[in-house]
C-alpha atoms as a PDB file:
ATOM      1  CA  UNK A   1     -91.038  23.005 -16.259  1.00  0.00           C
ATOM      2  CA  UNK A   2     -88.253  24.871 -17.983  1.00  0.00           C
ATOM      3  CA  UNK A   3     -87.794  27.178 -14.937  1.00  0.00           C
ATOM      4  CA  UNK A   4     -87.797  24.303 -12.505  1.00  0.00           C
ATOM      5  CA  UNK A   5     -85.337  22.436 -14.682  1.00  0.00           C
ATOM      6  CA  UNK A   6     -82.942  25.416 -14.547  1.00  0.00           C
ATOM      7  CA  UNK A   7     -82.930  25.336 -10.695  1.00  0.00           C
ATOM      8  CA  UNK A   8     -82.141  21.658 -10.433  1.00  0.00           C
ATOM      9  CA  UNK A   9     -78.595  20.730  -9.450  1.00  0.00           C
ATOM     10  CA  UNK A  10     -77.146  17.572 -10.797  1.00  0.00           C
ATOM     11  CA  UNK A  11     -75.746  15.023  -8.356  1.00  0.00           C
ATOM     12  CA  UNK A  12     -72.207  15.372  -9.772  1.00  0.00           C
ATOM     13  CA  UNK A  13     -72.307  19.172  -9.386  1.00  0.00           C
ATOM     14  CA  UNK A  14     -73.522  18.834  -5.785  1.00  0.00           C
ATOM     15  CA  UNK A  15     -70.663  16.498  -4.958  1.00  0.00           C
ATOM     16  CA  UNK A  16     -68.156  18.991  -6.390  1.00  0.00           C
ATOM     17  CA  UNK A  17     -69.693  21.849  -4.349  1.00  0.00           C
ATOM     18  CA  UNK A  18     -69.509  19.725  -1.180  1.00  0.00           C
ATOM     19  CA  UNK A  19     -65.805  18.893  -1.759  1.00  0.00           C
ATOM     20  CA  UNK A  20     -65.040  22.580  -2.355  1.00  0.00           C
ATOM     21  CA  UNK A  21     -66.756  23.502   0.898  1.00  0.00           C
ATOM     22  CA  UNK A  22     -64.878  20.786   2.793  1.00  0.00           C
ATOM     23  CA  UNK A  23     -61.543  21.956   1.411  1.00  0.00           C
ATOM     24  CA  UNK A  24     -62.352  25.536   2.334  1.00  0.00           C
ATOM     25  CA  UNK A  25     -63.293  24.503   5.887  1.00  0.00           C
ATOM     26  CA  UNK A  26     -60.040  22.477   6.228  1.00  0.00           C
ATOM     27  CA  UNK A  27     -57.892  25.385   5.083  1.00  0.00           C
ATOM     28  CA  UNK A  28     -59.763  27.990   7.095  1.00  0.00           C
ATOM     29  CA  UNK A  29     -60.246  26.195  10.418  1.00  0.00           C
ATOM     30  CA  UNK A  30     -59.116  22.603  10.710  1.00  0.00           C
ATOM     31  CA  UNK A  31     -55.600  23.061   9.285  1.00  0.00           C
ATOM     32  CA  UNK A  32     -54.618  25.891  11.694  1.00  0.00           C
ATOM     33  CA  UNK A  33     -56.097  23.876  14.552  1.00  0.00           C
ATOM     34  CA  UNK A  34     -54.069  20.832  13.538  1.00  0.00           C
ATOM     35  CA  UNK A  35     -50.877  22.894  13.360  1.00  0.00           C
ATOM     36  CA  UNK A  36     -51.536  24.376  16.818  1.00  0.00           C
ATOM     37  CA  UNK A  37     -52.113  20.888  18.212  1.00  0.00           C
ATOM     38  CA  UNK A  38     -48.833  19.654  16.719  1.00  0.00           C
ATOM     39  CA  UNK A  39     -46.974  22.696  18.042  1.00  0.00           C
ATOM     40  CA  UNK A  40     -48.291  22.100  21.566  1.00  0.00           C
ATOM     41  CA  UNK A  41     -47.429  18.388  21.536  1.00  0.00           C
ATOM     42  CA  UNK A  42     -43.970  17.821  23.105  1.00  0.00           C
ATOM     43  CA  UNK A  43     -41.424  16.057  20.872  1.00  0.00           C
ATOM     44  CA  UNK A  44     -40.185  12.723  22.210  1.00  0.00           C
ATOM     45  CA  UNK A  45     -36.573  12.899  23.427  1.00  0.00           C
ATOM     46  CA  UNK A  46     -33.989  10.125  23.560  1.00  0.00           C
ATOM     47  CA  UNK A  47     -31.373   9.781  26.231  1.00  0.00           C
ATOM     48  CA  UNK A  48     -28.364   7.507  26.615  1.00  0.00           C
ATOM     49  CA  UNK A  49     -30.371   5.411  29.062  1.00  0.00           C
ATOM     50  CA  UNK A  50     -33.185   4.968  26.562  1.00  0.00           C
ATOM     51  CA  UNK A  51     -33.861   1.234  26.089  1.00  0.00           C
ATOM     52  CA  UNK A  52     -33.882   1.631  22.295  1.00  0.00           C
ATOM     53  CA  UNK A  53     -30.266   2.795  22.428  1.00  0.00           C
ATOM     54  CA  UNK A  54     -29.305   0.275  25.062  1.00  0.00           C
ATOM     55  CA  UNK A  55     -30.442  -2.486  22.720  1.00  0.00           C
ATOM     56  CA  UNK A  56     -28.234  -1.182  19.852  1.00  0.00           C
ATOM     57  CA  UNK A  57     -25.316  -3.491  19.096  1.00  0.00           C
ATOM     58  CA  UNK A  58     -22.024  -2.856  17.293  1.00  0.00           C
ATOM     59  CA  UNK A  59     -21.591  -4.383  13.841  1.00  0.00           C
ATOM     60  CA  UNK A  60     -20.176  -7.908  13.786  1.00  0.00           C
ATOM     61  CA  UNK A  61     -16.422  -8.358  13.549  1.00  0.00           C
ATOM     62  CA  UNK A  62     -15.001  -9.597  10.223  1.00  0.00           C
ATOM     63  CA  UNK A  63     -14.759 -13.353   9.895  1.00  0.00           C
ATOM     64  CA  UNK A  64     -11.553 -13.259   7.830  1.00  0.00           C
ATOM     65  CA  UNK A  65      -8.464 -11.019   8.180  1.00  0.00           C
ATOM     66  CA  UNK A  66      -8.789  -7.573   6.640  1.00  0.00           C
ATOM     67  CA  UNK A  67      -5.931  -5.627   4.983  1.00  0.00           C
ATOM     68  CA  UNK A  68      -3.995  -2.894   6.707  1.00  0.00           C
ATOM     69  CA  UNK A  69      -3.987   0.582   5.175  1.00  0.00           C
ATOM     70  CA  UNK A  70      -0.616  -0.138   3.519  1.00  0.00           C
ATOM     71  CA  UNK A  71      -1.828  -3.486   2.159  1.00  0.00           C
ATOM     72  CA  UNK A  72      -5.010  -1.924   0.793  1.00  0.00           C
ATOM     73  CA  UNK A  73      -3.042   0.845  -0.933  1.00  0.00           C
ATOM     74  CA  UNK A  74      -0.733  -1.810  -2.395  1.00  0.00           C
ATOM     75  CA  UNK A  75      -3.698  -3.821  -3.709  1.00  0.00           C
ATOM     76  CA  UNK A  76      -5.379  -0.781  -5.236  1.00  0.00           C
ATOM     77  CA  UNK A  77      -2.103   0.197  -6.923  1.00  0.00           C
ATOM     78  CA  UNK A  78      -2.289  -3.049  -8.927  1.00  0.00           C
ATOM     79  CA  UNK A  79       1.057  -2.757 -10.768  1.00  0.00           C
ATOM     80  CA  UNK A  80       4.588  -2.107  -9.498  1.00  0.00           C
ATOM     81  CA  UNK A  81       7.704  -1.761 -11.674  1.00  0.00           C
ATOM     82  CA  UNK A  82      10.734  -3.605 -10.266  1.00  0.00           C
ATOM     83  CA  UNK A  83      14.003  -2.121 -11.530  1.00  0.00           C
ATOM     84  CA  UNK A  84      17.050  -4.421 -11.441  1.00  0.00           C
ATOM     85  CA  UNK A  85      20.144  -2.325 -11.916  1.00  0.00           C
ATOM     86  CA  UNK A  86      23.722  -2.591 -10.650  1.00  0.00           C
ATOM     87  CA  UNK A  87      27.051  -4.221 -11.450  1.00  0.00           C
ATOM     88  CA  UNK A  88      25.160  -7.207 -12.894  1.00  0.00           C
ATOM     89  CA  UNK A  89      23.907  -4.880 -15.625  1.00  0.00           C
ATOM     90  CA  UNK A  90      27.478  -4.475 -16.851  1.00  0.00           C
ATOM     91  CA  UNK A  91      28.719  -8.039 -16.248  1.00  0.00           C
ATOM     92  CA  UNK A  92      25.612  -9.566 -17.858  1.00  0.00           C
ATOM     93  CA  UNK A  93      24.961 -11.868 -14.905  1.00  0.00           C
ATOM     94  CA  UNK A  94      21.879 -12.648 -12.832  1.00  0.00           C
ATOM     95  CA  UNK A  95      23.670 -13.418  -9.573  1.00  0.00           C
ATOM     96  CA  UNK A  96      26.842 -11.407  -9.091  1.00  0.00           C
ATOM     97  CA  UNK A  97      29.732 -12.963  -7.207  1.00  0.00           C
ATOM     98  CA  UNK A  98      30.560  -9.928  -5.102  1.00  0.00           C
ATOM     99  CA  UNK A  99      34.058  -9.832  -6.593  1.00  0.00           C
ATOM    100  CA  UNK A 100      33.426  -7.533  -9.559  1.00  0.00           C
ATOM    101  CA  UNK A 101      35.409  -4.312  -9.090  1.00  0.00           C
ATOM    102  CA  UNK A 102      33.347  -1.161  -8.456  1.00  0.00           C
ATOM    103  CA  UNK A 103      34.875   0.262 -11.621  1.00  0.00           C
ATOM    104  CA  UNK A 104      32.520  -1.873 -13.753  1.00  0.00           C
ATOM    105  CA  UNK A 105      29.648   0.343 -12.631  1.00  0.00           C
ATOM    106  CA  UNK A 106      29.942   3.278 -14.995  1.00  0.00           C
ATOM    107  CA  UNK A 107      26.617   4.145 -16.687  1.00  0.00           C
ATOM    108  CA  UNK A 108      26.843   6.862 -19.303  1.00  0.00           C
ATOM    109  CA  UNK A 109      23.172   7.423 -20.149  1.00  0.00           C
ATOM    110  CA  UNK A 110      21.378   6.597 -16.909  1.00  0.00           C
ATOM    111  CA  UNK A 111      18.171   8.615 -16.548  1.00  0.00           C
ATOM    112  CA  UNK A 112      15.921   7.703 -13.577  1.00  0.00           C
ATOM    113  CA  UNK A 113      13.445  10.394 -14.670  1.00  0.00           C
ATOM    114  CA  UNK A 114      12.922   8.445 -17.894  1.00  0.00           C
ATOM    115  CA  UNK A 115      12.365   5.218 -15.913  1.00  0.00           C
ATOM    116  CA  UNK A 116       9.728   6.922 -13.805  1.00  0.00           C
ATOM    117  CA  UNK A 117       8.082   8.576 -16.801  1.00  0.00           C
ATOM    118  CA  UNK A 118       7.686   5.215 -18.535  1.00  0.00           C
ATOM    119  CA  UNK A 119       6.351   3.664 -15.326  1.00  0.00           C
ATOM    120  CA  UNK A 120       3.731   6.364 -14.855  1.00  0.00           C
ATOM    121  CA  UNK A 121       2.659   6.468 -18.504  1.00  0.00           C
ATOM    122  CA  UNK A 122       2.107   2.698 -18.528  1.00  0.00           C
ATOM    123  CA  UNK A 123       0.034   2.657 -15.355  1.00  0.00           C
ATOM    124  CA  UNK A 124       2.485   1.582 -12.649  1.00  0.00           C
ATOM    125  CA  UNK A 125       1.723   2.972  -9.204  1.00  0.00           C
ATOM    126  CA  UNK A 126       5.261   2.716  -7.828  1.00  0.00           C
ATOM    127  CA  UNK A 127       8.824   1.688  -8.658  1.00  0.00           C
ATOM    128  CA  UNK A 128      11.142  -0.576  -6.659  1.00  0.00           C
ATOM    129  CA  UNK A 129      14.924  -0.444  -7.059  1.00  0.00           C
ATOM    130  CA  UNK A 130      17.502  -3.097  -6.181  1.00  0.00           C
ATOM    131  CA  UNK A 131      19.467  -0.746  -3.940  1.00  0.00           C
ATOM    132  CA  UNK A 132      21.706  -3.719  -3.109  1.00  0.00           C
ATOM    133  CA  UNK A 133      21.476  -7.076  -4.851  1.00  0.00           C
ATOM    134  CA  UNK A 134      23.072 -10.238  -3.498  1.00  0.00           C
ATOM    135  CA  UNK A 135      26.487  -9.274  -4.896  1.00  0.00           C
ATOM    136  CA  UNK A 136      26.588  -6.603  -2.178  1.00  0.00           C
ATOM    137  CA  UNK A 137      27.195  -3.567  -4.413  1.00  0.00           C
ATOM    138  CA  UNK A 138      25.269  -0.551  -3.097  1.00  0.00           C
ATOM    139  CA  UNK A 139      23.627   1.981  -5.403  1.00  0.00           C
ATOM    140  CA  UNK A 140      23.867   4.635  -2.695  1.00  0.00           C
ATOM    141  CA  UNK A 141      27.031   5.920  -0.943  1.00  0.00           C
ATOM    142  CA  UNK A 142      26.730   3.767   2.167  1.00  0.00           C
ATOM    143  CA  UNK A 143      28.878   4.729   5.135  1.00  0.00           C
ATOM    144  CA  UNK A 144      29.156   1.060   6.133  1.00  0.00           C
ATOM    145  CA  UNK A 145      30.998  -0.383   3.133  1.00  0.00           C
ATOM    146  CA  UNK A 146      33.356   0.719   0.395  1.00  0.00           C
ATOM    147  CA  UNK A 147      31.609  -1.536  -2.124  1.00  0.00           C
ATOM    148  CA  UNK A 148      29.274   1.109  -3.528  1.00  0.00           C
ATOM    149  CA  UNK A 149      28.876   3.889  -6.056  1.00  0.00           C
ATOM    150  CA  UNK A 150      31.272   5.926  -3.916  1.00  0.00           C
ATOM    151  CA  UNK A 151      34.120   3.716  -5.170  1.00  0.00           C
ATOM    152  CA  UNK A 152      33.010   3.732  -8.812  1.00  0.00           C
ATOM    153  CA  UNK A 153      34.131   6.099 -11.591  1.00  0.00           C
ATOM    154  CA  UNK A 154      30.511   7.099 -12.186  1.00  0.00           C
ATOM    155  CA  UNK A 155      30.282  10.833 -11.491  1.00  0.00           C
ATOM    156  CA  UNK A 156      33.689  10.616  -9.861  1.00  0.00           C
ATOM    157  CA  UNK A 157      32.252   8.706  -6.931  1.00  0.00           C
ATOM    158  CA  UNK A 158      29.694  11.373  -6.007  1.00  0.00           C
ATOM    159  CA  UNK A 159      26.620   9.773  -7.580  1.00  0.00           C
ATOM    160  CA  UNK A 160      23.607   8.293  -5.798  1.00  0.00           C
ATOM    161  CA  UNK A 161      21.184   6.229  -7.884  1.00  0.00           C
ATOM    162  CA  UNK A 162      18.708   5.847  -5.020  1.00  0.00           C
ATOM    163  CA  UNK A 163      18.556   9.610  -4.471  1.00  0.00           C
ATOM    164  CA  UNK A 164      17.981  10.344  -8.154  1.00  0.00           C
ATOM    165  CA  UNK A 165      15.205   7.778  -8.458  1.00  0.00           C
ATOM    166  CA  UNK A 166      13.527   8.909  -5.232  1.00  0.00           C
ATOM    167  CA  UNK A 167      13.515  12.523  -6.438  1.00  0.00           C
ATOM    168  CA  UNK A 168      12.103  11.538  -9.834  1.00  0.00           C
ATOM    169  CA  UNK A 169       9.375   9.397  -8.261  1.00  0.00           C
ATOM    170  CA  UNK A 170       8.358  12.177  -5.890  1.00  0.00           C
ATOM    171  CA  UNK A 171       8.165  14.706  -8.715  1.00  0.00           C
ATOM    172  CA  UNK A 172       6.045  12.328 -10.812  1.00  0.00           C
ATOM    173  CA  UNK A 173       3.759  11.498  -7.903  1.00  0.00           C
ATOM    174  CA  UNK A 174       4.352   7.744  -7.811  1.00  0.00           C
ATOM    175  CA  UNK A 175       5.532   5.604  -4.913  1.00  0.00           C
ATOM    176  CA  UNK A 176       9.124   4.620  -4.175  1.00  0.00           C
ATOM    177  CA  UNK A 177      10.219   1.181  -3.010  1.00  0.00           C
ATOM    178  CA  UNK A 178      13.586  -0.404  -2.206  1.00  0.00           C
ATOM    179  CA  UNK A 179      15.007  -3.917  -2.294  1.00  0.00           C
ATOM    180  CA  UNK A 180      17.874  -4.666   0.096  1.00  0.00           C
ATOM    181  CA  UNK A 181      19.246  -8.178  -0.311  1.00  0.00           C
ATOM    182  CA  UNK A 182      19.890 -10.025   2.958  1.00  0.00           C
ATOM    183  CA  UNK A 183      22.386 -12.315   1.239  1.00  0.00           C
ATOM    184  CA  UNK A 184      25.612 -10.400   0.683  1.00  0.00           C
ATOM    185  CA  UNK A 185      28.371 -12.171  -1.238  1.00  0.00           C
ATOM    186  CA  UNK A 186      30.880  -9.361  -0.727  1.00  0.00           C
ATOM    187  CA  UNK A 187      30.908  -8.459   2.966  1.00  0.00           C
ATOM    188  CA  UNK A 188      33.322 -10.518   5.048  1.00  0.00           C
ATOM    189  CA  UNK A 189      31.069 -10.329   8.094  1.00  0.00           C
ATOM    190  CA  UNK A 190      28.375 -12.314   6.299  1.00  0.00           C
ATOM    191  CA  UNK A 191      28.023 -15.568   8.224  1.00  0.00           C
ATOM    192  CA  UNK A 192      28.741 -13.937  11.588  1.00  0.00           C
ATOM    193  CA  UNK A 193      25.189 -13.725  12.837  1.00  0.00           C
ATOM    194  CA  UNK A 194      25.280 -10.802  15.246  1.00  0.00           C
ATOM    195  CA  UNK A 195      27.812  -8.727  13.310  1.00  0.00           C
ATOM    196  CA  UNK A 196      26.077  -9.070   9.957  1.00  0.00           C
ATOM    197  CA  UNK A 197      22.578  -8.460  11.320  1.00  0.00           C
ATOM    198  CA  UNK A 198      23.826  -5.208  12.840  1.00  0.00           C
ATOM    199  CA  UNK A 199      25.476  -4.328   9.517  1.00  0.00           C
ATOM    200  CA  UNK A 200      22.289  -5.068   7.582  1.00  0.00           C
ATOM    201  CA  UNK A 201      20.117  -3.035   9.937  1.00  0.00           C
ATOM    202  CA  UNK A 202      22.575  -0.155   9.630  1.00  0.00           C
ATOM    203  CA  UNK A 203      22.188  -0.190   5.851  1.00  0.00           C
ATOM    204  CA  UNK A 204      18.416  -0.413   6.203  1.00  0.00           C
ATOM    205  CA  UNK A 205      18.482   2.611   8.485  1.00  0.00           C
ATOM    206  CA  UNK A 206      20.477   4.595   5.916  1.00  0.00           C
ATOM    207  CA  UNK A 207      17.977   3.814   3.168  1.00  0.00           C
ATOM    208  CA  UNK A 208      14.885   4.546   5.226  1.00  0.00           C
ATOM    209  CA  UNK A 209      16.078   7.867   6.656  1.00  0.00           C
ATOM    210  CA  UNK A 210      17.721   9.565   3.664  1.00  0.00           C
ATOM    211  CA  UNK A 211      15.252   9.365   0.804  1.00  0.00           C
ATOM    212  CA  UNK A 212      11.856  10.524   1.998  1.00  0.00           C
ATOM    213  CA  UNK A 213       8.771   8.340   2.078  1.00  0.00           C
ATOM    214  CA  UNK A 214       9.336   4.706   1.122  1.00  0.00           C
ATOM    215  CA  UNK A 215       6.149   2.885   0.146  1.00  0.00           C
ATOM    216  CA  UNK A 216       7.525  -0.647  -0.061  1.00  0.00           C
ATOM    217  CA  UNK A 217      10.512  -2.542   1.336  1.00  0.00           C
ATOM    218  CA  UNK A 218      11.574  -5.791  -0.308  1.00  0.00           C
ATOM    219  CA  UNK A 219      13.763  -8.480   1.220  1.00  0.00           C
ATOM    220  CA  UNK A 220      13.886 -12.228   0.791  1.00  0.00           C
ATOM    221  CA  UNK A 221      15.664 -15.355   1.927  1.00  0.00           C
ATOM    222  CA  UNK A 222      17.410 -16.131  -1.360  1.00  0.00           C
ATOM    223  CA  UNK A 223      20.742 -17.874  -0.868  1.00  0.00           C
ATOM    224  CA  UNK A 224      22.681 -20.274  -3.047  1.00  0.00           C
ATOM    225  CA  UNK A 225      23.469 -23.863  -2.098  1.00  0.00           C
ATOM    226  CA  UNK A 226      26.733 -24.334  -0.257  1.00  0.00           C
ATOM    227  CA  UNK A 227      26.930 -20.709   0.915  1.00  0.00           C
ATOM    228  CA  UNK A 228      27.698 -19.628   4.483  1.00  0.00           C
ATOM    229  CA  UNK A 229      25.058 -20.379   7.073  1.00  0.00           C
ATOM    230  CA  UNK A 230      23.382 -17.246   8.283  1.00  0.00           C
ATOM    231  CA  UNK A 231      20.522 -16.558  10.683  1.00  0.00           C
ATOM    232  CA  UNK A 232      18.587 -13.426   9.832  1.00  0.00           C
ATOM    233  CA  UNK A 233      16.887 -11.415  12.576  1.00  0.00           C
ATOM    234  CA  UNK A 234      13.751 -10.884  10.514  1.00  0.00           C
ATOM    235  CA  UNK A 235      11.593  -9.765  13.432  1.00  0.00           C
ATOM    236  CA  UNK A 236      14.121  -7.063  14.335  1.00  0.00           C
ATOM    237  CA  UNK A 237      14.318  -5.966  10.711  1.00  0.00           C
ATOM    238  CA  UNK A 238      10.537  -5.723  10.437  1.00  0.00           C
ATOM    239  CA  UNK A 239      10.360  -3.688  13.656  1.00  0.00           C
ATOM    240  CA  UNK A 240      12.990  -1.263  12.371  1.00  0.00           C
ATOM    241  CA  UNK A 241      11.144  -0.791   9.078  1.00  0.00           C
ATOM    242  CA  UNK A 242       7.860  -0.140  10.871  1.00  0.00           C
ATOM    243  CA  UNK A 243       9.588   2.367  13.141  1.00  0.00           C
ATOM    244  CA  UNK A 244      11.286   4.322  10.359  1.00  0.00           C
ATOM    245  CA  UNK A 245       8.654   3.984   7.603  1.00  0.00           C
ATOM    246  CA  UNK A 246       5.333   3.112   9.291  1.00  0.00           C
ATOM    247  CA  UNK A 247       3.408   3.476   6.031  1.00  0.00           C
ATOM    248  CA  UNK A 248       5.552   1.001   4.090  1.00  0.00           C
ATOM    249  CA  UNK A 249       4.347  -2.447   3.101  1.00  0.00           C
ATOM    250  CA  UNK A 250       6.986  -5.130   3.710  1.00  0.00           C
ATOM    251  CA  UNK A 251       7.602  -7.965   1.264  1.00  0.00           C
ATOM    252  CA  UNK A 252       9.283 -11.232   2.105  1.00  0.00           C
ATOM    253  CA  UNK A 253       8.608 -14.854   1.223  1.00  0.00           C
ATOM    254  CA  UNK A 254       6.190 -15.083   4.152  1.00  0.00           C
ATOM    255  CA  UNK A 255       4.994 -11.538   4.713  1.00  0.00           C
ATOM    256  CA  UNK A 256       4.301  -9.664   6.933  1.00  0.00           C
ATOM    257  CA  UNK A 257       2.865  -7.223   4.389  1.00  0.00           C
ATOM    258  CA  UNK A 258       2.990  -8.998   1.042  1.00  0.00           C
ATOM    259  CA  UNK A 259       4.482 -12.336   0.056  1.00  0.00           C
ATOM    260  CA  UNK A 260       5.901 -14.354  -2.810  1.00  0.00           C
ATOM    261  CA  UNK A 261       3.239 -15.576  -5.227  1.00  0.00           C
ATOM    262  CA  UNK A 262       4.945 -18.938  -5.625  1.00  0.00           C
ATOM    263  CA  UNK A 263       7.029 -18.783  -8.800  1.00  0.00           C
ATOM    264  CA  UNK A 264       9.520 -16.496 -10.510  1.00  0.00           C
ATOM    265  CA  UNK A 265       7.095 -15.814 -13.374  1.00  0.00           C
ATOM    266  CA  UNK A 266       4.644 -14.165 -10.983  1.00  0.00           C
ATOM    267  CA  UNK A 267       1.781 -16.402 -12.112  1.00  0.00           C
ATOM    268  CA  UNK A 268      -0.870 -16.869  -9.453  1.00  0.00           C
ATOM    269  CA  UNK A 269      -3.681 -19.365  -9.244  1.00  0.00           C
ATOM    270  CA  UNK A 270      -7.236 -18.414 -10.170  1.00  0.00           C
ATOM    271  CA  UNK A 271      -8.604 -16.883  -8.081  1.00  0.00           C
ATOM    272  CA  UNK A 272      -5.731 -15.977  -5.753  1.00  0.00           C
ATOM    273  CA  UNK A 273      -7.203 -14.380  -2.650  1.00  0.00           C
ATOM    274  CA  UNK A 274      -4.472 -12.722  -0.651  1.00  0.00           C
ATOM    275  CA  UNK A 275      -5.043 -14.739   2.525  1.00  0.00           C
ATOM    276  CA  UNK A 276      -1.969 -16.689   3.616  1.00  0.00           C
ATOM    277  CA  UNK A 277      -1.277 -18.591   6.827  1.00  0.00           C
ATOM    278  CA  UNK A 278       2.201 -17.503   7.923  1.00  0.00           C
ATOM    279  CA  UNK A 279       2.318 -19.574  11.120  1.00  0.00           C
ATOM    280  CA  UNK A 280       4.417 -22.331   9.525  1.00  0.00           C
ATOM    281  CA  UNK A 281       6.042 -20.266   6.770  1.00  0.00           C
ATOM    282  CA  UNK A 282       9.827 -20.061   6.602  1.00  0.00           C
ATOM    283  CA  UNK A 283      11.452 -17.122   4.852  1.00  0.00           C
ATOM    284  CA  UNK A 284      13.746 -18.510   2.206  1.00  0.00           C
ATOM    285  CA  UNK A 285      11.980 -21.854   2.108  1.00  0.00           C
ATOM    286  CA  UNK A 286       8.337 -21.039   1.549  1.00  0.00           C
ATOM    287  CA  UNK A 287       6.109 -22.368  -1.199  1.00  0.00           C
ATOM    288  CA  UNK A 288       2.682 -20.731  -0.741  1.00  0.00           C
ATOM    289  CA  UNK A 289       1.191 -23.060  -3.347  1.00  0.00           C
END
């Protein structure tokens, strides 16, 4: 009985032997056969006329307007530093009259590099300068008027605030923007529609061709009560900006790139999505709220 017992194979051991044999057979014969079969089977090919491709459809169009590249960059930048500087700085006034002599503009410690450094260190993505506020005084040596830094004692009339700020912004790697006031309380041609619009576009051309890349252009319809009537050729201005600085976002009360938030404090509603219907908006008389 002991001998017979030694020759018996338990059911569990038999099952293990069978599995080992099956695995050996698969590796030795069935697996190569399977690989040969797969190698001999032609791969399915797809052509342009294949019905599966013909049924493919493009993704749906957006339901709401989407931002342009310039608008998206502006949104992602989040913060912009607006620098108000000019004759008003020295006369301590918000709205200059246009009659202050150029001699009042005589900064002694002006340092645009310091402005830009502060802007960058505090997280601002770009700086905007009032190249000309409504008093008409130009912070660059414009060829179209004598009411500019060229006529001031600052650096003996050879200075250019716009150029210095543009160079500092480029070196620091932040964007440069310019504000050019449509309302001009100094120029005698203001109020003569065709003549002034040509004058304004000439100044815009100077600014957008002398100082490298301009990321943002600001203009508005601000004008005091009782001032000369003036029709602005906004569409022509916008076209010129897009031609000379195609990457710039344009601000006005009603767009086309960015628009006034609704109050001087810059306080927007919660949540303020950037959608705005401009079809009935009037520049200079728009309340987006």
